[in-house]
Amino acid sequence: MNEPSGKSKKPTNLLLLERDSELRRSVRLALEGDGVEVWSAPDAVRAREILAQRSPDLIVLDHENLAEHLGPLIAQYRGDGDGKGGIVLVTTARRIEDGWRLRHRPDFVIYKPFDVRFLCRRVKALAGPSGAGTNPRAAERTRETERK
């Protein structure tokens, strides 16, 4: 069977960890409106449960009050360095310490408050043209931009 063009690519999916329920809802609705499948979690425990069952293309993590839980979560997502996992995007209202950045290497950081549309555009850019979060060049460009 032939699928119509545009329907054959796998939709991007992501895990959204955000403590603020209103922001979590807004981001989820906006991303789903752009065709992204979103699995949302209010805390690190629920996020770890989701990661144990699913393999998202990207994860969007709230750094506020969760920094100590994000390291193990990122390691679980990335398979402890075995090449699994995809892109990690972190949101925060505060400056992230350089040591934390070096240890956990998020691909992109967005500072709060942010426009939800900006986050949606960033997710689409990081997901790449395949729509499956597998565009390493997009992630590398992001890292280069962050260093400047």
C-alpha atoms as a PDB file:
ATOM      1  CA  MET A   1       0.000   0.000   0.000  1.00  0.00           C
ATOM      2  CA  ASN A   2       1.205   3.450  -0.782  1.00  0.00           C
ATOM      3  CA  GLU A   3       0.832   6.104   1.853  1.00  0.00           C
ATOM      4  CA  PRO A   4       0.095   9.648   0.735  1.00  0.00           C
ATOM      5  CA  SER A   5       3.173  11.853   0.734  1.00  0.00           C
ATOM      6  CA  GLY A   6       3.613  13.689   3.988  1.00  0.00           C
ATOM      7  CA  LYS A   7       1.970  10.841   5.924  1.00  0.00           C
ATOM      8  CA  SER A   8       4.860   8.384   5.674  1.00  0.00           C
ATOM      9  CA  LYS A   9       7.240  10.035   8.112  1.00  0.00           C
ATOM     10  CA  LYS A  10       7.092   9.193  11.772  1.00  0.00           C
ATOM     11  CA  PRO A  11       5.712  12.063  13.870  1.00  0.00           C
ATOM     12  CA  THR A  12       8.058  13.626  16.381  1.00  0.00           C
ATOM     13  CA  ASN A  13       7.342  12.688  19.962  1.00  0.00           C
ATOM     14  CA  LEU A  14       8.726  14.118  23.152  1.00  0.00           C
ATOM     15  CA  LEU A  15       8.685  13.906  26.905  1.00  0.00           C
ATOM     16  CA  LEU A  16       7.788  17.176  28.618  1.00  0.00           C
ATOM     17  CA  LEU A  17       8.773  17.493  32.283  1.00  0.00           C
ATOM     18  CA  GLU A  18       7.329  20.718  33.684  1.00  0.00           C
ATOM     19  CA  ARG A  19       6.159  21.361  37.256  1.00  0.00           C
ATOM     20  CA  ASP A  20       3.891  24.300  36.380  1.00  0.00           C
ATOM     21  CA  SER A  21       0.620  22.675  35.300  1.00  0.00           C
ATOM     22  CA  GLU A  22      -0.575  25.665  33.252  1.00  0.00           C
ATOM     23  CA  LEU A  23       2.709  25.956  31.341  1.00  0.00           C
ATOM     24  CA  ARG A  24       2.776  22.174  30.854  1.00  0.00           C
ATOM     25  CA  ARG A  25      -0.758  22.291  29.439  1.00  0.00           C
ATOM     26  CA  SER A  26      -0.001  25.276  27.148  1.00  0.00           C
ATOM     27  CA  VAL A  27       3.167  23.718  25.772  1.00  0.00           C
ATOM     28  CA  ARG A  28       1.490  20.338  25.288  1.00  0.00           C
ATOM     29  CA  LEU A  29      -1.474  21.849  23.417  1.00  0.00           C
ATOM     30  CA  ALA A  30       0.773  23.999  21.209  1.00  0.00           C
ATOM     31  CA  LEU A  31       3.080  21.110  20.312  1.00  0.00           C
ATOM     32  CA  GLU A  32       0.214  18.716  19.681  1.00  0.00           C
ATOM     33  CA  GLY A  33      -1.273  21.382  17.397  1.00  0.00           C
ATOM     34  CA  ASP A  34       1.980  21.178  15.418  1.00  0.00           C
ATOM     35  CA  GLY A  35       1.650  17.393  15.097  1.00  0.00           C
ATOM     36  CA  VAL A  36       4.024  16.451  17.914  1.00  0.00           C
ATOM     37  CA  GLU A  37       3.054  13.591  20.204  1.00  0.00           C
ATOM     38  CA  VAL A  38       3.627  14.764  23.804  1.00  0.00           C
ATOM     39  CA  TRP A  39       4.007  12.655  26.923  1.00  0.00           C
ATOM     40  CA  SER A  40       3.932  15.031  29.882  1.00  0.00           C
ATOM     41  CA  ALA A  41       5.079  14.590  33.462  1.00  0.00           C
ATOM     42  CA  PRO A  42       4.770  16.880  36.492  1.00  0.00           C
ATOM     43  CA  ASP A  43       7.812  15.426  38.257  1.00  0.00           C
ATOM     44  CA  ALA A  44      10.978  13.392  37.758  1.00  0.00           C
ATOM     45  CA  VAL A  45       9.415  10.191  39.115  1.00  0.00           C
ATOM     46  CA  ARG A  46       6.677  10.211  36.475  1.00  0.00           C
ATOM     47  CA  ALA A  47       9.214  11.203  33.780  1.00  0.00           C
ATOM     48  CA  ARG A  48      11.395   8.189  34.668  1.00  0.00           C
ATOM     49  CA  GLU A  49       8.334   5.925  34.423  1.00  0.00           C
ATOM     50  CA  ILE A  50       7.584   7.287  30.954  1.00  0.00           C
ATOM     51  CA  LEU A  51      11.205   6.806  29.862  1.00  0.00           C
ATOM     52  CA  ALA A  52      11.099   3.216  31.076  1.00  0.00           C
ATOM     53  CA  GLN A  53       8.153   2.539  28.739  1.00  0.00           C
ATOM     54  CA  ARG A  54       8.781   4.854  25.777  1.00  0.00           C
ATOM     55  CA  SER A  55      11.608   6.264  23.671  1.00  0.00           C
ATOM     56  CA  PRO A  56      10.928   9.932  22.932  1.00  0.00           C
ATOM     57  CA  ASP A  57      12.831  11.739  20.183  1.00  0.00           C
ATOM     58  CA  LEU A  58      13.370  14.747  22.426  1.00  0.00           C
ATOM     59  CA  ILE A  59      12.959  15.595  26.078  1.00  0.00           C
ATOM     60  CA  VAL A  60      12.071  19.049  27.369  1.00  0.00           C
ATOM     61  CA  LEU A  61      12.998  19.391  31.027  1.00  0.00           C
ATOM     62  CA  ASP A  62      12.170  22.083  33.583  1.00  0.00           C
ATOM     63  CA  HIS A  63      15.371  22.886  35.465  1.00  0.00           C
ATOM     64  CA  GLU A  64      13.607  24.789  38.276  1.00  0.00           C
ATOM     65  CA  ASN A  65      13.720  22.897  41.574  1.00  0.00           C
ATOM     66  CA  LEU A  66      14.535  19.696  39.672  1.00  0.00           C
ATOM     67  CA  ALA A  67      18.235  20.096  38.904  1.00  0.00           C
ATOM     68  CA  GLU A  68      19.311  17.266  41.234  1.00  0.00           C
ATOM     69  CA  HIS A  69      16.870  14.882  39.509  1.00  0.00           C
ATOM     70  CA  LEU A  70      17.667  15.849  35.929  1.00  0.00           C
ATOM     71  CA  GLY A  71      21.153  14.326  35.809  1.00  0.00           C
ATOM     72  CA  PRO A  72      19.920  10.753  36.399  1.00  0.00           C
ATOM     73  CA  LEU A  73      16.958  11.393  34.098  1.00  0.00           C
ATOM     74  CA  ILE A  74      19.228  12.582  31.277  1.00  0.00           C
ATOM     75  CA  ALA A  75      21.534   9.587  31.848  1.00  0.00           C
ATOM     76  CA  GLN A  76      18.551   7.230  31.650  1.00  0.00           C
ATOM     77  CA  TYR A  77      17.372   8.920  28.446  1.00  0.00           C
ATOM     78  CA  ARG A  78      20.794   8.868  26.821  1.00  0.00           C
ATOM     79  CA  GLY A  79      21.446   5.292  27.919  1.00  0.00           C
ATOM     80  CA  ASP A  80      24.389   6.214  30.144  1.00  0.00           C
ATOM     81  CA  GLY A  81      26.442   7.194  27.137  1.00  0.00           C
ATOM     82  CA  ASP A  82      25.733   4.172  24.951  1.00  0.00           C
ATOM     83  CA  GLY A  83      24.450   6.351  22.113  1.00  0.00           C
ATOM     84  CA  LYS A  84      20.739   5.866  22.787  1.00  0.00           C
ATOM     85  CA  GLY A  85      18.425   8.765  23.350  1.00  0.00           C
ATOM     86  CA  GLY A  86      18.028  11.956  21.466  1.00  0.00           C
ATOM     87  CA  ILE A  87      17.982  15.643  22.107  1.00  0.00           C
ATOM     88  CA  VAL A  88      17.734  17.278  25.538  1.00  0.00           C
ATOM     89  CA  LEU A  89      16.207  20.749  25.804  1.00  0.00           C
ATOM     90  CA  VAL A  90      16.165  22.410  29.248  1.00  0.00           C
ATOM     91  CA  THR A  91      13.958  25.319  30.331  1.00  0.00           C
ATOM     92  CA  THR A  92      14.904  27.538  33.261  1.00  0.00           C
ATOM     93  CA  ALA A  93      14.319  30.954  34.809  1.00  0.00           C
ATOM     94  CA  ARG A  94      17.795  30.992  36.360  1.00  0.00           C
ATOM     95  CA  ARG A  95      21.306  30.702  35.019  1.00  0.00           C
ATOM     96  CA  ILE A  96      22.445  27.093  34.885  1.00  0.00           C
ATOM     97  CA  GLU A  97      25.800  26.476  36.522  1.00  0.00           C
ATOM     98  CA  ASP A  98      28.631  25.717  34.121  1.00  0.00           C
ATOM     99  CA  GLY A  99      29.512  22.535  36.011  1.00  0.00           C
ATOM    100  CA  TRP A 100      25.974  21.183  35.615  1.00  0.00           C
ATOM    101  CA  ARG A 101      26.041  22.031  31.893  1.00  0.00           C
ATOM    102  CA  LEU A 102      29.366  20.276  31.412  1.00  0.00           C
ATOM    103  CA  ARG A 103      28.264  17.148  33.287  1.00  0.00           C
ATOM    104  CA  HIS A 104      24.861  16.745  31.641  1.00  0.00           C
ATOM    105  CA  ARG A 105      25.345  18.519  28.308  1.00  0.00           C
ATOM    106  CA  PRO A 106      21.851  19.706  27.401  1.00  0.00           C
ATOM    107  CA  ASP A 107      21.592  20.358  23.669  1.00  0.00           C
ATOM    108  CA  PHE A 108      19.696  23.585  24.155  1.00  0.00           C
ATOM    109  CA  VAL A 109      18.570  25.861  26.987  1.00  0.00           C
ATOM    110  CA  ILE A 110      15.554  28.175  26.830  1.00  0.00           C
ATOM    111  CA  TYR A 111      15.190  30.817  29.509  1.00  0.00           C
ATOM    112  CA  LYS A 112      11.816  31.598  31.075  1.00  0.00           C
ATOM    113  CA  PRO A 113       9.632  33.386  30.466  1.00  0.00           C
ATOM    114  CA  PHE A 114       9.500  32.235  26.867  1.00  0.00           C
ATOM    115  CA  ASP A 115       6.954  32.396  24.096  1.00  0.00           C
ATOM    116  CA  VAL A 116       5.443  28.939  23.616  1.00  0.00           C
ATOM    117  CA  ARG A 117       5.641  29.480  19.859  1.00  0.00           C
ATOM    118  CA  PHE A 118       9.421  29.878  20.183  1.00  0.00           C
ATOM    119  CA  LEU A 119       9.637  26.538  21.981  1.00  0.00           C
ATOM    120  CA  CYS A 120       7.540  24.905  19.249  1.00  0.00           C
ATOM    121  CA  ARG A 121       9.844  26.294  16.542  1.00  0.00           C
ATOM    122  CA  ARG A 122      12.915  25.100  18.464  1.00  0.00           C
ATOM    123  CA  VAL A 123      11.448  21.589  18.842  1.00  0.00           C
ATOM    124  CA  LYS A 124      10.714  21.439  15.104  1.00  0.00           C
ATOM    125  CA  ALA A 125      14.241  22.629  14.263  1.00  0.00           C
ATOM    126  CA  LEU A 126      15.843  20.116  16.622  1.00  0.00           C
ATOM    127  CA  ALA A 127      13.652  17.314  15.307  1.00  0.00           C
ATOM    128  CA  GLY A 128      14.975  18.005  11.835  1.00  0.00           C
ATOM    129  CA  PRO A 129      13.422  17.338   8.461  1.00  0.00           C
ATOM    130  CA  SER A 130      12.922  13.655   9.256  1.00  0.00           C
ATOM    131  CA  GLY A 131      10.477  14.588  11.976  1.00  0.00           C
ATOM    132  CA  ALA A 132      12.050  11.949  14.174  1.00  0.00           C
ATOM    133  CA  GLY A 133      14.541  13.879  16.283  1.00  0.00           C
ATOM    134  CA  THR A 134      17.494  12.352  14.488  1.00  0.00           C
ATOM    135  CA  ASN A 135      19.112  15.408  12.966  1.00  0.00           C
ATOM    136  CA  PRO A 136      22.521  15.619  14.670  1.00  0.00           C
ATOM    137  CA  ARG A 137      23.481  18.669  12.601  1.00  0.00           C
ATOM    138  CA  ALA A 138      20.604  20.670  14.092  1.00  0.00           C
ATOM    139  CA  ALA A 139      21.765  19.749  17.583  1.00  0.00           C
ATOM    140  CA  GLU A 140      25.383  20.592  16.730  1.00  0.00           C
ATOM    141  CA  ARG A 141      24.361  23.995  15.324  1.00  0.00           C
ATOM    142  CA  THR A 142      22.481  24.596  18.561  1.00  0.00           C
ATOM    143  CA  ARG A 143      25.567  23.813  20.631  1.00  0.00           C
ATOM    144  CA  GLU A 144      27.707  26.114  18.473  1.00  0.00           C
ATOM    145  CA  THR A 145      25.194  28.958  18.841  1.00  0.00           C
ATOM    146  CA  GLU A 146      25.119  28.486  22.616  1.00  0.00           C
ATOM    147  CA  ARG A 147      28.911  28.803  22.889  1.00  0.00           C
ATOM    148  CA  LYS A 148      28.970  32.211  21.180  1.00  0.00           C
END
